[in-house]
N, C-alpha and C. Protein backbone atom coordinates (compact mmCIF):
# COMPACT_ATOMS: atom_id res chain seq x y z
N MET A 1 -2.22 9.35 -15.51
CA MET A 1 -3.03 8.82 -14.41
C MET A 1 -2.95 9.76 -13.22
N SER A 2 -4.10 10.03 -12.64
CA SER A 2 -4.10 10.97 -11.54
C SER A 2 -3.53 10.28 -10.28
N ASN A 3 -3.19 11.16 -9.26
CA ASN A 3 -2.73 10.60 -8.01
C ASN A 3 -3.74 9.73 -7.35
N GLN A 4 -5.05 10.14 -7.41
CA GLN A 4 -6.07 9.34 -6.80
C GLN A 4 -6.20 7.94 -7.49
N ALA A 5 -6.09 7.87 -8.79
CA ALA A 5 -6.15 6.62 -9.52
C ALA A 5 -4.94 5.78 -9.13
N LYS A 6 -3.77 6.40 -9.03
CA LYS A 6 -2.58 5.60 -8.64
C LYS A 6 -2.70 5.04 -7.25
N MET A 7 -3.26 5.84 -6.32
CA MET A 7 -3.46 5.37 -4.95
C MET A 7 -4.49 4.23 -4.92
N THR A 8 -5.54 4.34 -5.68
CA THR A 8 -6.54 3.33 -5.72
C THR A 8 -5.95 2.02 -6.32
N GLU A 9 -5.17 2.14 -7.37
CA GLU A 9 -4.54 1.01 -7.99
C GLU A 9 -3.61 0.30 -7.01
N LYS A 10 -2.77 1.12 -6.29
CA LYS A 10 -1.84 0.54 -5.32
C LYS A 10 -2.63 -0.12 -4.18
N SER A 11 -3.68 0.51 -3.75
CA SER A 11 -4.50 -0.07 -2.67
C SER A 11 -5.05 -1.39 -3.09
N GLU A 12 -5.59 -1.50 -4.36
CA GLU A 12 -6.14 -2.75 -4.83
C GLU A 12 -5.07 -3.83 -4.93
N LEU A 13 -3.84 -3.43 -5.41
CA LEU A 13 -2.78 -4.43 -5.48
C LEU A 13 -2.37 -4.89 -4.10
N GLU A 14 -2.28 -4.01 -3.09
CA GLU A 14 -1.93 -4.44 -1.76
C GLU A 14 -2.99 -5.26 -1.14
N MET A 15 -4.27 -5.02 -1.46
CA MET A 15 -5.30 -5.83 -0.91
C MET A 15 -5.24 -7.22 -1.47
N SER A 16 -4.98 -7.28 -2.79
CA SER A 16 -4.77 -8.60 -3.39
C SER A 16 -3.63 -9.33 -2.76
N LEU A 17 -2.54 -8.61 -2.55
CA LEU A 17 -1.33 -9.20 -1.94
C LEU A 17 -1.68 -9.66 -0.49
N ARG A 18 -2.40 -8.82 0.26
CA ARG A 18 -2.82 -9.16 1.59
C ARG A 18 -3.65 -10.47 1.59
N GLN A 19 -4.58 -10.55 0.65
CA GLN A 19 -5.44 -11.74 0.53
C GLN A 19 -4.65 -12.99 0.24
N ARG A 20 -3.65 -12.82 -0.64
CA ARG A 20 -2.78 -14.01 -0.96
C ARG A 20 -1.91 -14.42 0.21
N VAL A 21 -1.42 -13.44 0.98
CA VAL A 21 -0.68 -13.70 2.15
C VAL A 21 -1.55 -14.44 3.16
N GLU A 22 -2.73 -13.90 3.36
CA GLU A 22 -3.65 -14.53 4.32
C GLU A 22 -3.91 -16.00 3.95
N ALA A 23 -4.14 -16.24 2.64
CA ALA A 23 -4.40 -17.61 2.15
C ALA A 23 -3.17 -18.52 2.45
N ALA A 24 -1.97 -17.98 2.25
CA ALA A 24 -0.77 -18.74 2.46
C ALA A 24 -0.60 -19.01 3.96
N LEU A 25 -0.94 -18.09 4.83
CA LEU A 25 -0.91 -18.25 6.26
C LEU A 25 -1.86 -19.38 6.74
N GLU A 26 -3.00 -19.49 6.04
CA GLU A 26 -3.93 -20.56 6.39
C GLU A 26 -3.27 -21.93 6.17
N LYS A 27 -2.38 -22.06 5.27
CA LYS A 27 -1.67 -23.34 5.03
C LYS A 27 -0.66 -23.61 6.16
N VAL A 28 -0.04 -22.57 6.69
CA VAL A 28 0.95 -22.68 7.79
C VAL A 28 0.31 -22.85 9.15
N ARG A 29 -0.82 -22.25 9.33
CA ARG A 29 -1.50 -22.18 10.63
C ARG A 29 -1.67 -23.55 11.30
N PRO A 30 -2.13 -24.57 10.62
CA PRO A 30 -2.32 -25.86 11.32
C PRO A 30 -1.06 -26.42 12.03
N SER A 31 0.10 -26.26 11.42
CA SER A 31 1.30 -26.74 12.09
C SER A 31 1.63 -25.92 13.39
N LEU A 32 1.33 -24.62 13.34
CA LEU A 32 1.56 -23.78 14.51
C LEU A 32 0.54 -24.18 15.60
N GLN A 33 -0.72 -24.42 15.19
CA GLN A 33 -1.78 -24.75 16.11
C GLN A 33 -1.54 -26.12 16.76
N ARG A 34 -0.92 -27.02 16.03
CA ARG A 34 -0.55 -28.35 16.56
C ARG A 34 0.36 -28.21 17.78
N ASP A 35 1.15 -27.18 17.80
CA ASP A 35 2.09 -26.94 18.96
C ASP A 35 1.56 -25.98 19.92
N GLY A 36 0.25 -25.59 19.80
CA GLY A 36 -0.37 -24.69 20.80
C GLY A 36 -0.24 -23.24 20.44
N GLY A 37 0.19 -22.93 19.22
CA GLY A 37 0.34 -21.49 18.82
C GLY A 37 -0.59 -21.14 17.74
N ASP A 38 -0.38 -19.94 17.25
CA ASP A 38 -1.16 -19.40 16.13
C ASP A 38 -0.46 -18.16 15.62
N ILE A 39 -0.97 -17.57 14.55
CA ILE A 39 -0.36 -16.44 13.89
C ILE A 39 -1.46 -15.53 13.41
N GLU A 40 -1.27 -14.21 13.60
CA GLU A 40 -2.25 -13.19 13.17
C GLU A 40 -1.54 -12.27 12.17
N LEU A 41 -2.14 -12.02 11.07
CA LEU A 41 -1.62 -11.09 10.06
C LEU A 41 -2.01 -9.68 10.47
N LEU A 42 -0.96 -8.80 10.66
CA LEU A 42 -1.21 -7.46 11.05
C LEU A 42 -1.25 -6.52 9.88
N ASP A 43 -0.25 -6.68 8.98
CA ASP A 43 -0.14 -5.76 7.84
C ASP A 43 0.79 -6.33 6.82
N VAL A 44 0.63 -5.79 5.59
CA VAL A 44 1.55 -6.10 4.46
C VAL A 44 1.82 -4.82 3.73
N VAL A 45 3.09 -4.39 3.81
CA VAL A 45 3.51 -3.10 3.16
C VAL A 45 4.77 -3.33 2.41
N ASP A 46 4.74 -3.04 1.10
CA ASP A 46 5.93 -3.13 0.24
C ASP A 46 6.62 -4.52 0.39
N GLY A 47 5.83 -5.57 0.48
CA GLY A 47 6.39 -6.92 0.57
C GLY A 47 6.85 -7.35 1.93
N VAL A 48 6.74 -6.50 2.88
CA VAL A 48 7.07 -6.85 4.30
C VAL A 48 5.80 -7.22 5.03
N VAL A 49 5.78 -8.46 5.47
CA VAL A 49 4.58 -9.01 6.16
C VAL A 49 4.81 -8.87 7.70
N LYS A 50 3.92 -8.23 8.32
CA LYS A 50 3.96 -7.99 9.82
C LYS A 50 2.97 -8.94 10.46
N VAL A 51 3.43 -9.79 11.38
CA VAL A 51 2.56 -10.75 12.06
C VAL A 51 2.72 -10.64 13.55
N ARG A 52 1.78 -11.28 14.24
CA ARG A 52 1.87 -11.43 15.67
C ARG A 52 1.68 -12.92 16.00
N LEU A 53 2.72 -13.50 16.68
CA LEU A 53 2.61 -14.90 17.07
C LEU A 53 1.78 -14.92 18.36
N GLN A 54 0.99 -15.99 18.46
CA GLN A 54 0.04 -16.11 19.58
C GLN A 54 0.18 -17.46 20.23
N GLY A 55 -0.35 -17.56 21.47
CA GLY A 55 -0.32 -18.80 22.17
C GLY A 55 1.03 -19.22 22.54
N ALA A 56 1.30 -20.49 22.42
CA ALA A 56 2.65 -21.03 22.74
C ALA A 56 3.76 -20.44 21.98
N CYS A 57 3.48 -20.00 20.75
CA CYS A 57 4.50 -19.40 19.94
C CYS A 57 5.00 -18.05 20.38
N ALA A 58 4.13 -17.33 21.15
CA ALA A 58 4.44 -15.96 21.53
C ALA A 58 5.69 -15.85 22.39
N GLY A 59 5.90 -16.76 23.29
CA GLY A 59 7.03 -16.67 24.16
C GLY A 59 8.06 -17.73 23.93
N CYS A 60 7.91 -18.48 22.89
CA CYS A 60 8.81 -19.63 22.63
C CYS A 60 10.20 -19.17 22.19
N PRO A 61 11.24 -19.70 22.74
CA PRO A 61 12.62 -19.39 22.34
C PRO A 61 12.86 -19.73 20.86
N MET A 62 12.18 -20.64 20.31
CA MET A 62 12.30 -21.05 18.91
C MET A 62 11.49 -20.22 17.91
N SER A 63 10.74 -19.23 18.42
CA SER A 63 9.81 -18.49 17.62
C SER A 63 10.47 -17.79 16.44
N GLN A 64 11.65 -17.25 16.59
CA GLN A 64 12.32 -16.57 15.51
C GLN A 64 12.69 -17.55 14.40
N MET A 65 13.11 -18.76 14.80
CA MET A 65 13.46 -19.76 13.82
C MET A 65 12.22 -20.20 13.07
N THR A 66 11.12 -20.38 13.83
CA THR A 66 9.84 -20.78 13.20
C THR A 66 9.40 -19.70 12.20
N LEU A 67 9.55 -18.42 12.60
CA LEU A 67 9.14 -17.32 11.74
C LEU A 67 9.98 -17.31 10.45
N THR A 68 11.26 -17.43 10.60
CA THR A 68 12.18 -17.31 9.43
C THR A 68 12.11 -18.56 8.56
N TRP A 69 12.28 -19.73 9.12
CA TRP A 69 12.46 -20.91 8.34
C TRP A 69 11.12 -21.64 8.06
N GLY A 70 10.10 -21.31 8.81
CA GLY A 70 8.81 -21.90 8.58
C GLY A 70 7.87 -20.96 7.85
N VAL A 71 7.48 -19.93 8.52
CA VAL A 71 6.47 -19.01 8.01
C VAL A 71 7.00 -18.22 6.81
N GLU A 72 8.16 -17.58 6.97
CA GLU A 72 8.65 -16.75 5.85
C GLU A 72 8.94 -17.53 4.60
N GLN A 73 9.56 -18.71 4.71
CA GLN A 73 9.81 -19.54 3.56
C GLN A 73 8.54 -19.98 2.89
N ALA A 74 7.56 -20.35 3.67
CA ALA A 74 6.28 -20.83 3.11
C ALA A 74 5.57 -19.63 2.34
N LEU A 75 5.65 -18.46 2.98
CA LEU A 75 5.00 -17.30 2.30
C LEU A 75 5.70 -16.90 1.04
N LYS A 76 7.02 -16.97 1.06
CA LYS A 76 7.78 -16.60 -0.16
C LYS A 76 7.51 -17.58 -1.31
N GLU A 77 7.28 -18.88 -0.96
CA GLU A 77 6.96 -19.84 -2.01
C GLU A 77 5.61 -19.52 -2.60
N GLU A 78 4.62 -19.23 -1.76
CA GLU A 78 3.26 -18.99 -2.23
C GLU A 78 3.04 -17.59 -2.85
N VAL A 79 3.77 -16.60 -2.25
CA VAL A 79 3.57 -15.20 -2.68
C VAL A 79 5.00 -14.61 -2.92
N PRO A 80 5.49 -14.64 -4.14
CA PRO A 80 6.83 -14.22 -4.44
C PRO A 80 7.12 -12.74 -4.09
N GLU A 81 6.09 -11.95 -3.96
CA GLU A 81 6.29 -10.51 -3.66
C GLU A 81 6.74 -10.34 -2.21
N VAL A 82 6.61 -11.36 -1.37
CA VAL A 82 7.01 -11.23 0.02
C VAL A 82 8.51 -11.09 0.14
N VAL A 83 8.96 -10.04 0.79
CA VAL A 83 10.42 -9.80 0.95
C VAL A 83 10.90 -10.42 2.29
N ARG A 84 10.13 -10.14 3.36
CA ARG A 84 10.49 -10.71 4.64
C ARG A 84 9.21 -10.68 5.55
N VAL A 85 9.35 -11.42 6.65
CA VAL A 85 8.27 -11.45 7.63
C VAL A 85 8.83 -10.96 8.96
N GLU A 86 8.11 -10.06 9.64
CA GLU A 86 8.51 -9.48 10.88
C GLU A 86 7.40 -9.71 11.89
N THR A 87 7.81 -9.77 13.15
CA THR A 87 6.78 -9.85 14.20
C THR A 87 6.83 -8.54 15.03
N ASP A 88 5.74 -8.24 15.62
CA ASP A 88 5.64 -7.06 16.45
C ASP A 88 6.11 -7.27 17.86
N GLN A 89 6.59 -8.48 18.17
CA GLN A 89 7.03 -8.85 19.49
C GLN A 89 8.56 -8.92 19.53
N PRO A 90 9.11 -8.57 20.73
CA PRO A 90 10.56 -8.69 20.85
C PRO A 90 10.97 -10.18 20.84
N SER A 91 12.19 -10.43 20.45
CA SER A 91 12.70 -11.79 20.53
C SER A 91 12.72 -12.31 21.91
N PRO A 92 12.32 -13.59 22.16
CA PRO A 92 12.28 -14.10 23.51
C PRO A 92 13.71 -14.12 24.10
N SER A 93 13.74 -13.89 25.39
CA SER A 93 15.01 -13.96 26.12
C SER A 93 15.18 -15.26 26.82
N PHE A 94 16.39 -15.75 26.76
CA PHE A 94 16.64 -17.05 27.45
C PHE A 94 16.87 -16.82 28.94
N GLY A 95 17.16 -15.68 29.33
CA GLY A 95 17.34 -15.36 30.75
C GLY A 95 18.61 -15.92 31.34
N GLY A 96 19.57 -16.22 30.51
CA GLY A 96 20.79 -16.77 31.04
C GLY A 96 20.74 -18.31 31.23
N PHE A 97 21.83 -18.85 31.64
CA PHE A 97 21.85 -20.28 31.91
C PHE A 97 21.44 -20.55 33.33
N PRO A 98 20.54 -21.49 33.55
CA PRO A 98 20.09 -21.81 34.87
C PRO A 98 21.15 -22.39 35.78
N PHE A 99 22.22 -22.90 35.17
CA PHE A 99 23.26 -23.54 36.00
C PHE A 99 24.50 -22.67 36.05
N ALA A 100 24.47 -21.43 35.62
CA ALA A 100 25.60 -20.56 35.62
C ALA A 100 26.03 -20.22 37.08
N ALA A 101 27.35 -20.16 37.24
CA ALA A 101 27.89 -19.80 38.52
C ALA A 101 27.58 -18.34 38.86
N LYS A 102 27.34 -18.08 40.17
CA LYS A 102 26.99 -16.75 40.55
C LYS A 102 28.09 -16.10 41.36
């Protein structure tokens, strides 16, 4: 098999994987939207799903937990090739305790 054929085959597999991930995200999306958030699929490479959290989810202190225990688990159930889910945003900062002594 030529390099071009291998690249085309891999591209078709990744597109199929991307389509399956997108379909799985459609099942998760309503629960995120119920809380004022949303999710955008950015990329899928070698089983790593890259997303962007939007709306209320973008700055929520619980976003990492939602990503890991909600989105990632749901995707892994629907699409076994998913290894992990990452976001392009930094983890939210709590900014310290509001009642801490100064």
